[in-house]
Amino acid sequence: MLALIILAGFLIAAGLIMVAAAKQIVKRYGLDKKVVLEHETELDEEEIDEYKTLKATVNVKLCGMLVFLPGIILLLIALKKI
């Protein structure tokens, strides 16, 4: 049981760090440059950059929550057995 709780703690911590540092992750790895927009011609250059950064940040936060969720479920399962 202790191993499950420790594993759940690592998953929860990793997910929270990803969510909290999403903007820095996007800037460091240039994830905003890889975002593809459908209606790019309708926006100004500044709006395009802002929108790409926002979209990449939301994607990183979503991935962080997908790491966080199994940690919470694992913690609930581990604590139910105690």
N, C-alpha and C. Protein backbone atom coordinates (compact mmCIF):
# COMPACT_ATOMS: atom_id res chain seq x y z
N MET A 1 0.81 -1.20 0.00
CA MET A 1 0.00 0.00 0.00
C MET A 1 0.85 1.26 0.00
N LEU A 2 1.94 1.22 0.73
CA LEU A 2 2.80 2.40 0.80
C LEU A 2 3.37 2.72 -0.58
N ALA A 3 3.69 1.69 -1.35
CA ALA A 3 4.24 1.91 -2.69
C ALA A 3 3.20 2.59 -3.59
N LEU A 4 1.93 2.22 -3.47
CA LEU A 4 0.88 2.86 -4.26
C LEU A 4 0.70 4.32 -3.88
N ILE A 5 0.79 4.60 -2.60
CA ILE A 5 0.64 5.98 -2.14
C ILE A 5 1.82 6.83 -2.63
N ILE A 6 3.02 6.29 -2.59
CA ILE A 6 4.19 7.01 -3.08
C ILE A 6 4.08 7.25 -4.58
N LEU A 7 3.68 6.23 -5.33
CA LEU A 7 3.51 6.38 -6.78
C LEU A 7 2.44 7.41 -7.10
N ALA A 8 1.35 7.38 -6.35
CA ALA A 8 0.29 8.37 -6.55
C ALA A 8 0.80 9.78 -6.25
N GLY A 9 1.62 9.92 -5.22
CA GLY A 9 2.20 11.22 -4.89
C GLY A 9 3.09 11.74 -6.00
N PHE A 10 3.88 10.86 -6.61
CA PHE A 10 4.73 11.28 -7.72
C PHE A 10 3.90 11.72 -8.92
N LEU A 11 2.85 10.98 -9.23
CA LEU A 11 2.00 11.35 -10.36
C LEU A 11 1.28 12.68 -10.10
N ILE A 12 0.80 12.86 -8.89
CA ILE A 12 0.11 14.10 -8.55
C ILE A 12 1.08 15.28 -8.62
N ALA A 13 2.28 15.09 -8.07
CA ALA A 13 3.27 16.17 -8.10
C ALA A 13 3.69 16.51 -9.53
N ALA A 14 3.91 15.49 -10.35
CA ALA A 14 4.32 15.72 -11.73
C ALA A 14 3.22 16.47 -12.50
N GLY A 15 1.98 16.07 -12.30
CA GLY A 15 0.87 16.74 -12.96
C GLY A 15 0.73 18.19 -12.53
N LEU A 16 0.86 18.44 -11.23
CA LEU A 16 0.75 19.82 -10.74
C LEU A 16 1.88 20.69 -11.24
N ILE A 17 3.08 20.13 -11.32
CA ILE A 17 4.21 20.91 -11.83
C ILE A 17 4.00 21.24 -13.30
N MET A 18 3.49 20.28 -14.07
CA MET A 18 3.22 20.55 -15.49
C MET A 18 2.19 21.65 -15.67
N VAL A 19 1.15 21.62 -14.86
CA VAL A 19 0.11 22.64 -14.96
C VAL A 19 0.64 24.01 -14.53
N ALA A 20 1.39 24.04 -13.44
CA ALA A 20 1.88 25.31 -12.92
C ALA A 20 2.94 25.95 -13.83
N ALA A 21 3.75 25.12 -14.49
CA ALA A 21 4.84 25.64 -15.31
C ALA A 21 4.53 25.54 -16.80
N ALA A 22 3.28 25.54 -17.16
CA ALA A 22 2.89 25.34 -18.55
C ALA A 22 3.45 26.43 -19.47
N LYS A 23 3.37 27.68 -19.04
CA LYS A 23 3.83 28.77 -19.89
C LYS A 23 5.35 28.69 -20.11
N GLN A 24 6.09 28.34 -19.06
CA GLN A 24 7.54 28.21 -19.20
C GLN A 24 7.90 27.02 -20.07
N ILE A 25 7.15 25.94 -19.99
CA ILE A 25 7.39 24.77 -20.84
C ILE A 25 7.17 25.13 -22.30
N VAL A 26 6.12 25.87 -22.58
CA VAL A 26 5.82 26.27 -23.96
C VAL A 26 6.93 27.15 -24.50
N LYS A 27 7.40 28.11 -23.71
CA LYS A 27 8.46 29.00 -24.17
C LYS A 27 9.79 28.26 -24.35
N ARG A 28 10.13 27.38 -23.42
CA ARG A 28 11.41 26.70 -23.47
C ARG A 28 11.53 25.78 -24.67
N TYR A 29 10.49 25.04 -24.96
CA TYR A 29 10.55 24.06 -26.04
C TYR A 29 9.95 24.56 -27.36
N GLY A 30 9.49 25.79 -27.40
CA GLY A 30 8.97 26.37 -28.64
C GLY A 30 7.73 25.66 -29.15
N LEU A 31 6.88 25.23 -28.24
CA LEU A 31 5.68 24.50 -28.65
C LEU A 31 4.67 25.39 -29.37
N ASP A 32 4.74 26.69 -29.13
CA ASP A 32 3.81 27.59 -29.81
C ASP A 32 4.11 27.72 -31.30
N LYS A 33 5.32 27.42 -31.70
CA LYS A 33 5.67 27.49 -33.13
C LYS A 33 5.11 26.30 -33.91
N LYS A 34 4.77 25.22 -33.19
CA LYS A 34 4.28 24.00 -33.85
C LYS A 34 2.76 23.95 -33.96
N VAL A 35 2.07 24.94 -33.40
CA VAL A 35 0.61 24.96 -33.43
C VAL A 35 0.14 25.38 -34.83
N VAL A 36 -0.83 24.65 -35.36
CA VAL A 36 -1.40 24.95 -36.68
C VAL A 36 -2.78 25.56 -36.48
N LEU A 37 -3.01 26.71 -37.12
CA LEU A 37 -4.30 27.38 -37.03
C LEU A 37 -5.08 27.19 -38.32
N GLU A 38 -6.40 27.09 -38.19
CA GLU A 38 -7.24 26.90 -39.36
C GLU A 38 -7.50 28.22 -40.10
N HIS A 39 -7.79 29.26 -39.37
CA HIS A 39 -8.16 30.55 -39.98
C HIS A 39 -7.10 31.59 -39.67
N GLU A 40 -5.90 31.32 -40.10
CA GLU A 40 -4.78 32.20 -39.79
C GLU A 40 -4.84 33.52 -40.54
N THR A 41 -5.48 33.55 -41.68
CA THR A 41 -5.53 34.76 -42.50
C THR A 41 -6.44 35.83 -41.91
N GLU A 42 -7.33 35.46 -41.00
CA GLU A 42 -8.28 36.41 -40.43
C GLU A 42 -7.70 37.20 -39.27
N LEU A 43 -6.52 36.83 -38.77
CA LEU A 43 -5.96 37.47 -37.60
C LEU A 43 -4.70 38.27 -37.95
N ASP A 44 -4.40 39.25 -37.08
CA ASP A 44 -3.16 40.01 -37.22
C ASP A 44 -2.00 39.15 -36.74
N GLU A 45 -0.78 39.58 -37.04
CA GLU A 45 0.41 38.82 -36.64
C GLU A 45 0.53 38.70 -35.12
N GLU A 46 0.23 39.79 -34.41
CA GLU A 46 0.31 39.77 -32.95
C GLU A 46 -0.76 38.85 -32.36
N GLU A 47 -1.96 38.87 -32.92
CA GLU A 47 -3.03 38.00 -32.45
C GLU A 47 -2.71 36.54 -32.73
N ILE A 48 -2.05 36.26 -33.84
CA ILE A 48 -1.67 34.89 -34.18
C ILE A 48 -0.68 34.35 -33.16
N ASP A 49 0.33 35.16 -32.82
CA ASP A 49 1.33 34.73 -31.84
C ASP A 49 0.69 34.49 -30.47
N GLU A 50 -0.18 35.41 -30.06
CA GLU A 50 -0.86 35.27 -28.78
C GLU A 50 -1.76 34.03 -28.74
N TYR A 51 -2.49 33.80 -29.82
CA TYR A 51 -3.39 32.66 -29.90
C TYR A 51 -2.62 31.34 -29.90
N LYS A 52 -1.51 31.30 -30.64
CA LYS A 52 -0.70 30.08 -30.67
C LYS A 52 -0.11 29.77 -29.30
N THR A 53 0.35 30.80 -28.61
CA THR A 53 0.90 30.60 -27.26
C THR A 53 -0.19 30.11 -26.32
N LEU A 54 -1.36 30.70 -26.40
CA LEU A 54 -2.47 30.30 -25.54
C LEU A 54 -2.89 28.86 -25.82
N LYS A 55 -2.98 28.51 -27.08
CA LYS A 55 -3.39 27.16 -27.45
C LYS A 55 -2.36 26.12 -27.00
N ALA A 56 -1.08 26.42 -27.15
CA ALA A 56 -0.03 25.50 -26.71
C ALA A 56 -0.03 25.38 -25.19
N THR A 57 -0.26 26.48 -24.49
CA THR A 57 -0.31 26.45 -23.02
C THR A 57 -1.47 25.59 -22.53
N VAL A 58 -2.61 25.73 -23.16
CA VAL A 58 -3.78 24.92 -22.78
C VAL A 58 -3.51 23.44 -23.05
N ASN A 59 -2.84 23.13 -24.15
CA ASN A 59 -2.51 21.74 -24.44
C ASN A 59 -1.57 21.15 -23.40
N VAL A 60 -0.59 21.92 -22.95
CA VAL A 60 0.33 21.43 -21.91
C VAL A 60 -0.41 21.25 -20.59
N LYS A 61 -1.30 22.18 -20.27
CA LYS A 61 -2.08 22.05 -19.04
C LYS A 61 -3.00 20.83 -19.10
N LEU A 62 -3.55 20.56 -20.25
CA LEU A 62 -4.39 19.38 -20.42
C LEU A 62 -3.59 18.10 -20.21
N CYS A 63 -2.39 18.06 -20.74
CA CYS A 63 -1.52 16.90 -20.53
C CYS A 63 -1.15 16.76 -19.05
N GLY A 64 -0.92 17.88 -18.39
CA GLY A 64 -0.64 17.84 -16.95
C GLY A 64 -1.81 17.29 -16.16
N MET A 65 -3.00 17.66 -16.54
CA MET A 65 -4.18 17.12 -15.85
C MET A 65 -4.37 15.63 -16.15
N LEU A 66 -3.96 15.20 -17.34
CA LEU A 66 -4.05 13.78 -17.67
C LEU A 66 -3.02 12.97 -16.90
N VAL A 67 -1.95 13.58 -16.43
CA VAL A 67 -0.99 12.91 -15.55
C VAL A 67 -1.50 12.96 -14.11
N PHE A 68 -2.12 14.05 -13.73
CA PHE A 68 -2.63 14.26 -12.38
C PHE A 68 -3.78 13.31 -12.04
N LEU A 69 -4.68 13.10 -12.99
CA LEU A 69 -5.89 12.30 -12.74
C LEU A 69 -5.60 10.86 -12.33
N PRO A 70 -4.71 10.12 -13.00
CA PRO A 70 -4.43 8.76 -12.52
C PRO A 70 -3.82 8.74 -11.12
N GLY A 71 -3.07 9.77 -10.77
CA GLY A 71 -2.52 9.86 -9.42
C GLY A 71 -3.62 9.97 -8.38
N ILE A 72 -4.62 10.79 -8.66
CA ILE A 72 -5.74 10.93 -7.73
C ILE A 72 -6.52 9.63 -7.62
N ILE A 73 -6.77 8.99 -8.75
CA ILE A 73 -7.51 7.72 -8.73
C ILE A 73 -6.73 6.66 -7.97
N LEU A 74 -5.42 6.58 -8.22
CA LEU A 74 -4.57 5.62 -7.51
C LEU A 74 -4.55 5.91 -6.02
N LEU A 75 -4.52 7.16 -5.64
CA LEU A 75 -4.54 7.53 -4.22
C LEU A 75 -5.86 7.13 -3.57
N LEU A 76 -6.96 7.35 -4.27
CA LEU A 76 -8.25 6.95 -3.73
C LEU A 76 -8.35 5.44 -3.56
N ILE A 77 -7.83 4.70 -4.51
CA ILE A 77 -7.84 3.24 -4.41
C ILE A 77 -6.96 2.78 -3.27
N ALA A 78 -5.79 3.36 -3.13
CA ALA A 78 -4.86 2.96 -2.06
C ALA A 78 -5.41 3.30 -0.69
N LEU A 79 -6.05 4.43 -0.55
CA LEU A 79 -6.58 4.82 0.75
C LEU A 79 -7.87 4.08 1.11
N LYS A 80 -8.56 3.58 0.11
CA LYS A 80 -9.79 2.82 0.38
C LYS A 80 -9.44 1.46 1.00
N LYS A 81 -8.30 0.91 0.64
CA LYS A 81 -7.89 -0.40 1.15
C LYS A 81 -7.39 -0.33 2.59
N ILE A 82 -7.03 0.87 3.05
CA ILE A 82 -6.49 1.00 4.43
C ILE A 82 -7.60 0.92 5.44
